[in-house]
Amino acid sequence: MTESTTSSPHDAVFKTFMFTPETARDFLEIHLPEPLRKLCNLQTLRLEPTSFIEKSLRAYYSDVLWSVETSDGDGYIYCVIEHQSSAEKNMAFRLMRYATAAMQRHLDKGYDRVPLV
């Protein structure tokens, strides 16, 4: 699966590794907080598209988005590692928009519950 190109070689390396289910599973086993890890069946990871288009037609590119079965239904694990030279004051808002876009895409597929992202 090919997504947008990146201006950061670090981002490209991260995406290359995280596009491999086995590597992603290992990464998540190590880095997901235990309470979240216990909710997720990491054997069910499925790579999802990560470009989200808003009504204004502005594209947003998240890093890596995996769908996963959880003990409470479908969920998503959104992995983002940002390599930035300076802090972005609206980073939390940007990440919230990515998560919201993933939720909207899930609902647009016909699901009737907002997923855990």
N, C-alpha and C. Protein backbone atom coordinates (compact mmCIF):
# COMPACT_ATOMS: atom_id res chain seq x y z
N MET A 1 0.85 -1.17 0.00
CA MET A 1 0.00 0.00 0.00
C MET A 1 0.89 1.23 0.00
N THR A 2 0.69 2.11 -0.91
CA THR A 2 1.49 3.32 -1.01
C THR A 2 0.64 4.52 -0.62
N GLU A 3 1.17 5.33 0.25
CA GLU A 3 0.47 6.55 0.68
C GLU A 3 1.25 7.75 0.17
N SER A 4 1.03 8.88 0.80
CA SER A 4 1.69 10.10 0.38
C SER A 4 3.19 10.00 0.59
N THR A 5 3.92 10.77 -0.17
CA THR A 5 5.35 10.82 0.04
C THR A 5 5.61 11.71 1.24
N THR A 6 6.78 11.57 1.81
CA THR A 6 7.11 12.34 3.00
C THR A 6 8.41 13.07 2.78
N SER A 7 8.52 14.22 3.42
CA SER A 7 9.74 15.00 3.28
C SER A 7 10.78 14.57 4.30
N SER A 8 10.41 13.71 5.23
CA SER A 8 11.33 13.27 6.26
C SER A 8 11.74 11.82 6.05
N PRO A 9 13.03 11.57 5.92
CA PRO A 9 13.46 10.18 5.77
C PRO A 9 13.13 9.34 7.00
N HIS A 10 13.09 9.98 8.19
CA HIS A 10 12.73 9.26 9.41
C HIS A 10 11.29 8.77 9.33
N ASP A 11 10.40 9.63 8.84
CA ASP A 11 9.00 9.23 8.69
C ASP A 11 8.89 8.08 7.70
N ALA A 12 9.65 8.13 6.63
CA ALA A 12 9.60 7.08 5.61
C ALA A 12 10.04 5.74 6.19
N VAL A 13 11.09 5.73 7.00
CA VAL A 13 11.56 4.49 7.62
C VAL A 13 10.50 3.95 8.57
N PHE A 14 9.93 4.84 9.39
CA PHE A 14 8.88 4.42 10.33
C PHE A 14 7.71 3.79 9.57
N LYS A 15 7.25 4.45 8.51
CA LYS A 15 6.12 3.92 7.74
C LYS A 15 6.46 2.59 7.09
N THR A 16 7.67 2.46 6.57
CA THR A 16 8.07 1.21 5.94
C THR A 16 7.98 0.05 6.93
N PHE A 17 8.50 0.26 8.13
CA PHE A 17 8.44 -0.79 9.14
C PHE A 17 7.01 -1.03 9.61
N MET A 18 6.26 0.03 9.82
CA MET A 18 4.91 -0.11 10.38
C MET A 18 3.90 -0.63 9.37
N PHE A 19 4.23 -0.66 8.09
CA PHE A 19 3.33 -1.25 7.10
C PHE A 19 3.37 -2.78 7.13
N THR A 20 4.33 -3.34 7.83
CA THR A 20 4.46 -4.79 7.94
C THR A 20 3.72 -5.25 9.20
N PRO A 21 2.68 -6.08 9.05
CA PRO A 21 1.88 -6.47 10.22
C PRO A 21 2.69 -7.06 11.37
N GLU A 22 3.66 -7.91 11.07
CA GLU A 22 4.45 -8.53 12.12
C GLU A 22 5.24 -7.49 12.90
N THR A 23 5.84 -6.54 12.19
CA THR A 23 6.61 -5.49 12.84
C THR A 23 5.69 -4.59 13.65
N ALA A 24 4.56 -4.23 13.07
CA ALA A 24 3.59 -3.39 13.78
C ALA A 24 3.12 -4.09 15.06
N ARG A 25 2.85 -5.37 14.96
CA ARG A 25 2.39 -6.14 16.12
C ARG A 25 3.45 -6.11 17.22
N ASP A 26 4.72 -6.32 16.86
CA ASP A 26 5.80 -6.27 17.84
C ASP A 26 5.90 -4.89 18.47
N PHE A 27 5.83 -3.84 17.65
CA PHE A 27 5.91 -2.46 18.13
C PHE A 27 4.78 -2.19 19.12
N LEU A 28 3.57 -2.60 18.76
CA LEU A 28 2.41 -2.34 19.62
C LEU A 28 2.46 -3.15 20.90
N GLU A 29 2.97 -4.36 20.84
CA GLU A 29 3.13 -5.18 22.06
C GLU A 29 4.03 -4.45 23.07
N ILE A 30 5.03 -3.77 22.56
CA ILE A 30 5.99 -3.06 23.43
C ILE A 30 5.43 -1.72 23.90
N HIS A 31 4.78 -0.97 23.00
CA HIS A 31 4.47 0.43 23.29
C HIS A 31 3.03 0.74 23.71
N LEU A 32 2.09 -0.14 23.41
CA LEU A 32 0.72 0.12 23.86
C LEU A 32 0.65 -0.04 25.37
N PRO A 33 -0.01 0.87 26.07
CA PRO A 33 -0.21 0.68 27.51
C PRO A 33 -0.96 -0.64 27.75
N GLU A 34 -0.59 -1.34 28.80
CA GLU A 34 -1.15 -2.67 29.06
C GLU A 34 -2.68 -2.72 29.04
N PRO A 35 -3.37 -1.75 29.66
CA PRO A 35 -4.84 -1.83 29.61
C PRO A 35 -5.40 -1.81 28.18
N LEU A 36 -4.79 -1.03 27.29
CA LEU A 36 -5.22 -1.01 25.90
C LEU A 36 -4.83 -2.29 25.18
N ARG A 37 -3.63 -2.75 25.45
CA ARG A 37 -3.14 -3.97 24.80
C ARG A 37 -4.05 -5.15 25.11
N LYS A 38 -4.55 -5.21 26.35
CA LYS A 38 -5.44 -6.31 26.75
C LYS A 38 -6.78 -6.26 26.03
N LEU A 39 -7.20 -5.07 25.60
CA LEU A 39 -8.47 -4.92 24.88
C LEU A 39 -8.36 -5.37 23.43
N CYS A 40 -7.16 -5.32 22.88
CA CYS A 40 -6.96 -5.51 21.44
C CYS A 40 -6.49 -6.92 21.09
N ASN A 41 -7.04 -7.47 20.03
CA ASN A 41 -6.54 -8.72 19.46
C ASN A 41 -5.59 -8.32 18.33
N LEU A 42 -4.32 -8.23 18.64
CA LEU A 42 -3.34 -7.75 17.67
C LEU A 42 -3.15 -8.70 16.49
N GLN A 43 -3.67 -9.91 16.59
CA GLN A 43 -3.61 -10.84 15.46
C GLN A 43 -4.56 -10.42 14.34
N THR A 44 -5.46 -9.48 14.63
CA THR A 44 -6.46 -9.05 13.64
C THR A 44 -6.10 -7.73 12.97
N LEU A 45 -4.87 -7.25 13.15
CA LEU A 45 -4.47 -5.97 12.56
C LEU A 45 -4.69 -5.96 11.05
N ARG A 46 -5.31 -4.89 10.56
CA ARG A 46 -5.48 -4.68 9.12
C ARG A 46 -5.08 -3.23 8.82
N LEU A 47 -4.17 -3.06 7.88
CA LEU A 47 -3.73 -1.73 7.48
C LEU A 47 -4.87 -1.00 6.79
N GLU A 48 -5.11 0.25 7.18
CA GLU A 48 -6.20 1.05 6.63
C GLU A 48 -5.63 2.25 5.86
N PRO A 49 -6.37 2.77 4.90
CA PRO A 49 -5.95 3.99 4.20
C PRO A 49 -5.82 5.14 5.20
N THR A 50 -4.88 6.03 4.94
CA THR A 50 -4.64 7.11 5.91
C THR A 50 -4.78 8.51 5.34
N SER A 51 -5.39 8.64 4.18
CA SER A 51 -5.63 10.00 3.69
C SER A 51 -7.10 10.30 3.94
N PHE A 52 -7.36 11.41 4.55
CA PHE A 52 -8.72 11.80 4.88
C PHE A 52 -9.02 13.12 4.17
N ILE A 53 -10.10 13.14 3.46
CA ILE A 53 -10.47 14.33 2.70
C ILE A 53 -11.68 14.98 3.36
N GLU A 54 -11.54 16.25 3.74
CA GLU A 54 -12.65 16.99 4.33
C GLU A 54 -13.45 17.64 3.21
N LYS A 55 -14.59 18.24 3.57
CA LYS A 55 -15.45 18.88 2.58
C LYS A 55 -14.70 19.94 1.78
N SER A 56 -13.76 20.59 2.40
CA SER A 56 -12.99 21.63 1.72
C SER A 56 -11.98 21.03 0.73
N LEU A 57 -11.95 19.69 0.65
CA LEU A 57 -11.03 18.95 -0.22
C LEU A 57 -9.57 19.05 0.19
N ARG A 58 -9.33 19.47 1.42
CA ARG A 58 -7.96 19.50 1.92
C ARG A 58 -7.60 18.11 2.42
N ALA A 59 -6.49 17.57 1.94
CA ALA A 59 -6.08 16.22 2.34
C ALA A 59 -5.21 16.28 3.59
N TYR A 60 -5.46 15.34 4.47
CA TYR A 60 -4.64 15.19 5.67
C TYR A 60 -4.03 13.80 5.60
N TYR A 61 -2.78 13.69 5.97
CA TYR A 61 -2.12 12.39 5.93
C TYR A 61 -1.68 12.02 7.33
N SER A 62 -2.26 10.96 7.84
CA SER A 62 -1.81 10.43 9.11
C SER A 62 -0.63 9.53 8.81
N ASP A 63 -0.03 8.99 9.83
CA ASP A 63 1.12 8.14 9.57
C ASP A 63 0.69 6.72 9.26
N VAL A 64 0.26 5.97 10.24
CA VAL A 64 -0.16 4.60 9.99
C VAL A 64 -1.43 4.34 10.81
N LEU A 65 -2.42 3.77 10.16
CA LEU A 65 -3.69 3.46 10.83
C LEU A 65 -4.00 1.98 10.64
N TRP A 66 -4.17 1.29 11.74
CA TRP A 66 -4.52 -0.13 11.73
C TRP A 66 -5.91 -0.29 12.31
N SER A 67 -6.73 -1.13 11.70
CA SER A 67 -7.98 -1.52 12.34
C SER A 67 -7.67 -2.79 13.13
N VAL A 68 -8.42 -2.97 14.21
CA VAL A 68 -8.17 -4.10 15.11
C VAL A 68 -9.47 -4.48 15.79
N GLU A 69 -9.65 -5.76 16.01
CA GLU A 69 -10.79 -6.21 16.79
C GLU A 69 -10.44 -6.04 18.27
N THR A 70 -11.40 -5.50 19.02
CA THR A 70 -11.20 -5.33 20.46
C THR A 70 -12.26 -6.13 21.20
N SER A 71 -12.11 -6.21 22.49
CA SER A 71 -13.10 -6.92 23.29
C SER A 71 -14.43 -6.18 23.32
N ASP A 72 -14.45 -4.95 22.81
CA ASP A 72 -15.68 -4.15 22.77
C ASP A 72 -16.09 -3.80 21.34
N GLY A 73 -15.61 -4.56 20.36
CA GLY A 73 -15.96 -4.30 18.96
C GLY A 73 -14.76 -3.82 18.17
N ASP A 74 -15.04 -3.23 17.01
CA ASP A 74 -13.96 -2.75 16.14
C ASP A 74 -13.29 -1.52 16.73
N GLY A 75 -12.00 -1.39 16.49
CA GLY A 75 -11.25 -0.23 16.93
C GLY A 75 -10.14 0.06 15.94
N TYR A 76 -9.43 1.14 16.20
CA TYR A 76 -8.33 1.56 15.34
C TYR A 76 -7.15 1.95 16.20
N ILE A 77 -5.97 1.65 15.70
CA ILE A 77 -4.74 2.09 16.35
C ILE A 77 -4.05 3.02 15.36
N TYR A 78 -3.92 4.24 15.78
CA TYR A 78 -3.32 5.28 14.95
C TYR A 78 -1.92 5.52 15.47
N CYS A 79 -0.91 5.24 14.66
CA CYS A 79 0.49 5.41 15.05
C CYS A 79 1.07 6.62 14.35
N VAL A 80 1.53 7.54 15.14
CA VAL A 80 2.17 8.72 14.57
C VAL A 80 3.44 9.01 15.36
N ILE A 81 4.52 9.10 14.65
CA ILE A 81 5.77 9.55 15.24
C ILE A 81 6.21 10.72 14.40
N GLU A 82 6.23 11.88 15.00
CA GLU A 82 6.57 13.10 14.27
C GLU A 82 8.02 13.46 14.52
N HIS A 83 8.73 13.71 13.46
CA HIS A 83 10.11 14.19 13.54
C HIS A 83 10.07 15.65 13.10
N GLN A 84 10.02 16.53 14.08
CA GLN A 84 9.91 17.95 13.76
C GLN A 84 11.07 18.71 14.39
N SER A 85 11.49 19.75 13.71
CA SER A 85 12.60 20.54 14.23
C SER A 85 12.13 21.55 15.27
N SER A 86 10.84 21.87 15.27
CA SER A 86 10.31 22.79 16.27
C SER A 86 8.90 22.33 16.66
N ALA A 87 8.51 22.72 17.86
CA ALA A 87 7.20 22.32 18.37
C ALA A 87 6.09 23.01 17.58
N GLU A 88 5.03 22.27 17.35
CA GLU A 88 3.86 22.83 16.68
C GLU A 88 2.80 23.06 17.75
N LYS A 89 2.38 24.30 17.91
CA LYS A 89 1.48 24.62 19.02
C LYS A 89 0.12 23.94 18.90
N ASN A 90 -0.29 23.58 17.71
CA ASN A 90 -1.59 22.95 17.52
C ASN A 90 -1.51 21.45 17.24
N MET A 91 -0.42 20.81 17.67
CA MET A 91 -0.23 19.38 17.40
C MET A 91 -1.36 18.55 17.99
N ALA A 92 -1.76 18.81 19.21
CA ALA A 92 -2.84 18.01 19.84
C ALA A 92 -4.13 18.13 19.03
N PHE A 93 -4.41 19.32 18.54
CA PHE A 93 -5.61 19.53 17.73
C PHE A 93 -5.51 18.76 16.41
N ARG A 94 -4.34 18.79 15.81
CA ARG A 94 -4.13 18.07 14.55
C ARG A 94 -4.35 16.56 14.75
N LEU A 95 -3.81 16.01 15.82
CA LEU A 95 -3.99 14.59 16.10
C LEU A 95 -5.46 14.26 16.37
N MET A 96 -6.15 15.17 17.05
CA MET A 96 -7.58 14.97 17.30
C MET A 96 -8.35 14.93 15.98
N ARG A 97 -7.97 15.79 15.04
CA ARG A 97 -8.64 15.81 13.73
C ARG A 97 -8.41 14.50 12.98
N TYR A 98 -7.19 13.96 13.05
CA TYR A 98 -6.92 12.67 12.41
C TYR A 98 -7.79 11.58 13.01
N ALA A 99 -7.86 11.54 14.34
CA ALA A 99 -8.67 10.51 15.02
C ALA A 99 -10.14 10.66 14.66
N THR A 100 -10.62 11.90 14.63
CA THR A 100 -12.01 12.16 14.27
C THR A 100 -12.28 11.73 12.83
N ALA A 101 -11.35 11.98 11.95
CA ALA A 101 -11.52 11.57 10.55
C ALA A 101 -11.58 10.05 10.43
N ALA A 102 -10.78 9.34 11.22
CA ALA A 102 -10.83 7.87 11.21
C ALA A 102 -12.19 7.38 11.71
N MET A 103 -12.72 8.04 12.74
CA MET A 103 -14.04 7.69 13.25
C MET A 103 -15.11 7.92 12.18
N GLN A 104 -15.03 9.05 11.49
CA GLN A 104 -16.01 9.37 10.46
C GLN A 104 -15.96 8.36 9.32
N ARG A 105 -14.77 7.99 8.91
CA ARG A 105 -14.63 7.00 7.84
C ARG A 105 -15.28 5.68 8.25
N HIS A 106 -15.11 5.29 9.50
CA HIS A 106 -15.71 4.07 10.04
C HIS A 106 -17.23 4.15 9.96
N LEU A 107 -17.79 5.28 10.40
CA LEU A 107 -19.25 5.46 10.35
C LEU A 107 -19.75 5.49 8.92
N ASP A 108 -18.98 6.09 8.01
CA ASP A 108 -19.36 6.16 6.60
C ASP A 108 -19.42 4.77 5.96
N LYS A 109 -18.70 3.81 6.52
CA LYS A 109 -18.73 2.44 6.01
C LYS A 109 -20.01 1.71 6.42
N GLY A 110 -20.84 2.37 7.24
CA GLY A 110 -22.11 1.76 7.63
C GLY A 110 -22.18 1.26 9.06
N TYR A 111 -21.09 1.38 9.79
CA TYR A 111 -21.13 0.98 11.19
C TYR A 111 -21.97 1.98 11.97
N ASP A 112 -22.60 1.52 13.06
CA ASP A 112 -23.47 2.42 13.81
C ASP A 112 -22.89 2.87 15.14
N ARG A 113 -21.67 2.44 15.44
CA ARG A 113 -21.02 2.87 16.69
C ARG A 113 -19.70 3.55 16.38
N VAL A 114 -19.41 4.59 17.13
CA VAL A 114 -18.13 5.28 16.99
C VAL A 114 -17.06 4.37 17.58
N PRO A 115 -15.97 4.11 16.83
CA PRO A 115 -14.95 3.18 17.31
C PRO A 115 -13.95 3.85 18.25
N LEU A 116 -13.25 3.03 18.98
CA LEU A 116 -12.12 3.47 19.76
C LEU A 116 -10.97 3.76 18.79
N VAL A 117 -10.37 4.93 18.88
CA VAL A 117 -9.21 5.26 18.04
C VAL A 117 -8.09 5.67 18.97
